Structures are given as C-alpha cells and as structure tokens.
Amino acid sequence: MNRLSVGGVVLTLVGIAGYAVGTSVAYPGRSVSVTAVMVGLTVAAVGHTTPTEDTP
C-alpha cells in the first residue's frame, strides 16, 4: 500500500470513530466526522488505483 492509500484508510477510521462517539455524546464539530469518512474513502480509492499509462 502506498502512503495515499494508508492516509485514506486512517482518515476513514478516524471519521468512523468520531461518528461512533458522536452518537452518544454531543460535541461541537461532530458533523465533520461524516465528511472525514467521505474524504477518507475517496482518498483511499484514488491511492489504490494504478496509472493507466506506463510510468517508469
């Protein structure tokens, strides 16, 4: 796995943890956890793809 993919997975896990905590405790900025999950999944998907061209 490359760094971009790992970063996306970590961001997704942090977002899921923030969402889980937000379901039981009201804290400011808990809506950011949903955004973190969406961005994390996108970054993980982009980091996982291979380039279409042959790169040396």
N, C-alpha and C. Protein backbone atom coordinates (compact mmCIF):
# COMPACT_ATOMS: atom_id res chain seq x y z
N MET A 1 0.85 -1.19 0.00
CA MET A 1 0.00 0.00 0.00
C MET A 1 0.88 1.24 0.00
N ASN A 2 0.45 2.22 -0.72
CA ASN A 2 1.21 3.46 -0.73
C ASN A 2 0.70 4.43 0.34
N ARG A 3 1.39 5.53 0.48
CA ARG A 3 1.08 6.47 1.56
C ARG A 3 -0.30 7.11 1.41
N LEU A 4 -0.70 7.37 0.18
CA LEU A 4 -2.00 7.98 -0.05
C LEU A 4 -3.12 7.04 0.35
N SER A 5 -2.97 5.79 0.02
CA SER A 5 -3.96 4.79 0.38
C SER A 5 -4.05 4.61 1.90
N VAL A 6 -2.92 4.55 2.54
CA VAL A 6 -2.88 4.41 4.00
C VAL A 6 -3.51 5.64 4.67
N GLY A 7 -3.20 6.81 4.15
CA GLY A 7 -3.79 8.03 4.70
C GLY A 7 -5.31 8.04 4.58
N GLY A 8 -5.82 7.55 3.47
CA GLY A 8 -7.26 7.47 3.29
C GLY A 8 -7.91 6.51 4.26
N VAL A 9 -7.27 5.37 4.48
CA VAL A 9 -7.80 4.38 5.42
C VAL A 9 -7.80 4.95 6.84
N VAL A 10 -6.71 5.62 7.20
CA VAL A 10 -6.63 6.21 8.55
C VAL A 10 -7.69 7.28 8.73
N LEU A 11 -7.86 8.12 7.72
CA LEU A 11 -8.88 9.18 7.81
C LEU A 11 -10.28 8.59 7.92
N THR A 12 -10.52 7.51 7.20
CA THR A 12 -11.82 6.85 7.28
C THR A 12 -12.06 6.28 8.67
N LEU A 13 -11.04 5.63 9.23
CA LEU A 13 -11.19 5.06 10.57
C LEU A 13 -11.39 6.13 11.64
N VAL A 14 -10.69 7.25 11.51
CA VAL A 14 -10.89 8.36 12.45
C VAL A 14 -12.30 8.93 12.32
N GLY A 15 -12.78 9.04 11.09
CA GLY A 15 -14.14 9.53 10.88
C GLY A 15 -15.19 8.60 11.46
N ILE A 16 -14.99 7.29 11.30
CA ILE A 16 -15.93 6.32 11.86
C ILE A 16 -15.92 6.38 13.38
N ALA A 17 -14.73 6.50 13.96
CA ALA A 17 -14.64 6.61 15.42
C ALA A 17 -15.32 7.89 15.91
N GLY A 18 -15.10 8.99 15.20
CA GLY A 18 -15.75 10.25 15.57
C GLY A 18 -17.26 10.17 15.46
N TYR A 19 -17.74 9.47 14.45
CA TYR A 19 -19.19 9.29 14.30
C TYR A 19 -19.75 8.43 15.42
N ALA A 20 -19.02 7.37 15.77
CA ALA A 20 -19.49 6.48 16.85
C ALA A 20 -19.56 7.23 18.18
N VAL A 21 -18.56 8.04 18.45
CA VAL A 21 -18.58 8.84 19.69
C VAL A 21 -19.70 9.88 19.62
N GLY A 22 -19.92 10.44 18.44
CA GLY A 22 -20.95 11.46 18.27
C GLY A 22 -22.36 10.96 18.44
N THR A 23 -22.56 9.65 18.32
CA THR A 23 -23.91 9.12 18.52
C THR A 23 -24.30 9.08 20.00
N SER A 24 -23.30 9.07 20.87
CA SER A 24 -23.61 9.01 22.30
C SER A 24 -23.33 10.32 23.04
N VAL A 25 -22.40 11.12 22.54
CA VAL A 25 -22.02 12.37 23.20
C VAL A 25 -22.10 13.50 22.19
N ALA A 26 -22.83 14.54 22.55
CA ALA A 26 -22.92 15.70 21.66
C ALA A 26 -21.67 16.56 21.85
N TYR A 27 -20.95 16.79 20.77
CA TYR A 27 -19.78 17.66 20.84
C TYR A 27 -19.74 18.52 19.58
N PRO A 28 -19.13 19.70 19.67
CA PRO A 28 -19.09 20.58 18.51
C PRO A 28 -18.24 19.97 17.39
N GLY A 29 -18.71 20.08 16.19
CA GLY A 29 -17.96 19.60 15.05
C GLY A 29 -18.13 18.13 14.74
N ARG A 30 -19.14 17.50 15.32
CA ARG A 30 -19.30 16.07 15.07
C ARG A 30 -19.75 15.78 13.66
N SER A 31 -20.30 16.75 12.97
CA SER A 31 -20.67 16.54 11.56
C SER A 31 -19.44 16.41 10.67
N VAL A 32 -18.31 16.86 11.16
CA VAL A 32 -17.06 16.75 10.40
C VAL A 32 -16.66 15.28 10.26
N SER A 33 -17.10 14.44 11.16
CA SER A 33 -16.74 13.02 11.08
C SER A 33 -17.34 12.37 9.83
N VAL A 34 -18.53 12.78 9.42
CA VAL A 34 -19.13 12.24 8.20
C VAL A 34 -18.32 12.69 6.98
N THR A 35 -17.89 13.93 7.00
CA THR A 35 -17.04 14.43 5.93
C THR A 35 -15.71 13.69 5.90
N ALA A 36 -15.15 13.40 7.06
CA ALA A 36 -13.89 12.67 7.12
C ALA A 36 -14.03 11.28 6.53
N VAL A 37 -15.16 10.63 6.76
CA VAL A 37 -15.38 9.30 6.19
C VAL A 37 -15.46 9.39 4.67
N MET A 38 -16.20 10.37 4.15
CA MET A 38 -16.34 10.51 2.70
C MET A 38 -15.01 10.84 2.04
N VAL A 39 -14.28 11.77 2.61
CA VAL A 39 -12.99 12.14 2.04
C VAL A 39 -11.99 11.00 2.18
N GLY A 40 -12.01 10.32 3.30
CA GLY A 40 -11.10 9.20 3.51
C GLY A 40 -11.33 8.08 2.51
N LEU A 41 -12.58 7.75 2.25
CA LEU A 41 -12.89 6.72 1.26
C LEU A 41 -12.43 7.13 -0.14
N THR A 42 -12.63 8.40 -0.46
CA THR A 42 -12.20 8.89 -1.76
C THR A 42 -10.69 8.85 -1.91
N VAL A 43 -9.98 9.31 -0.89
CA VAL A 43 -8.52 9.31 -0.94
C VAL A 43 -7.98 7.88 -0.99
N ALA A 44 -8.59 6.98 -0.26
CA ALA A 44 -8.16 5.58 -0.29
C ALA A 44 -8.37 4.98 -1.67
N ALA A 45 -9.48 5.32 -2.30
CA ALA A 45 -9.76 4.80 -3.64
C ALA A 45 -8.79 5.38 -4.67
N VAL A 46 -8.50 6.65 -4.58
CA VAL A 46 -7.57 7.28 -5.51
C VAL A 46 -6.16 6.73 -5.29
N GLY A 47 -5.78 6.50 -4.06
CA GLY A 47 -4.46 5.97 -3.77
C GLY A 47 -4.31 4.52 -4.18
N HIS A 48 -5.41 3.81 -4.29
CA HIS A 48 -5.37 2.39 -4.63
C HIS A 48 -5.31 2.15 -6.14
N THR A 49 -5.73 3.12 -6.94
CA THR A 49 -5.77 2.93 -8.39
C THR A 49 -4.36 2.95 -8.96
N THR A 50 -4.21 2.29 -10.08
CA THR A 50 -2.93 2.29 -10.78
C THR A 50 -3.02 3.23 -11.97
N PRO A 51 -1.92 3.85 -12.35
CA PRO A 51 -1.97 4.75 -13.50
C PRO A 51 -2.28 3.98 -14.78
N THR A 52 -3.00 4.62 -15.69
CA THR A 52 -3.37 3.97 -16.93
C THR A 52 -2.19 3.92 -17.91
N GLU A 53 -1.30 4.86 -17.81
CA GLU A 53 -0.13 4.88 -18.70
C GLU A 53 1.01 4.13 -18.05
N ASP A 54 1.93 3.65 -18.84
CA ASP A 54 3.12 3.01 -18.32
C ASP A 54 4.07 4.08 -17.81
N THR A 55 4.24 4.14 -16.53
CA THR A 55 5.17 5.10 -15.95
C THR A 55 6.43 4.38 -15.53
N PRO A 56 7.56 4.96 -15.84
CA PRO A 56 8.82 4.29 -15.48
C PRO A 56 9.13 4.31 -14.00
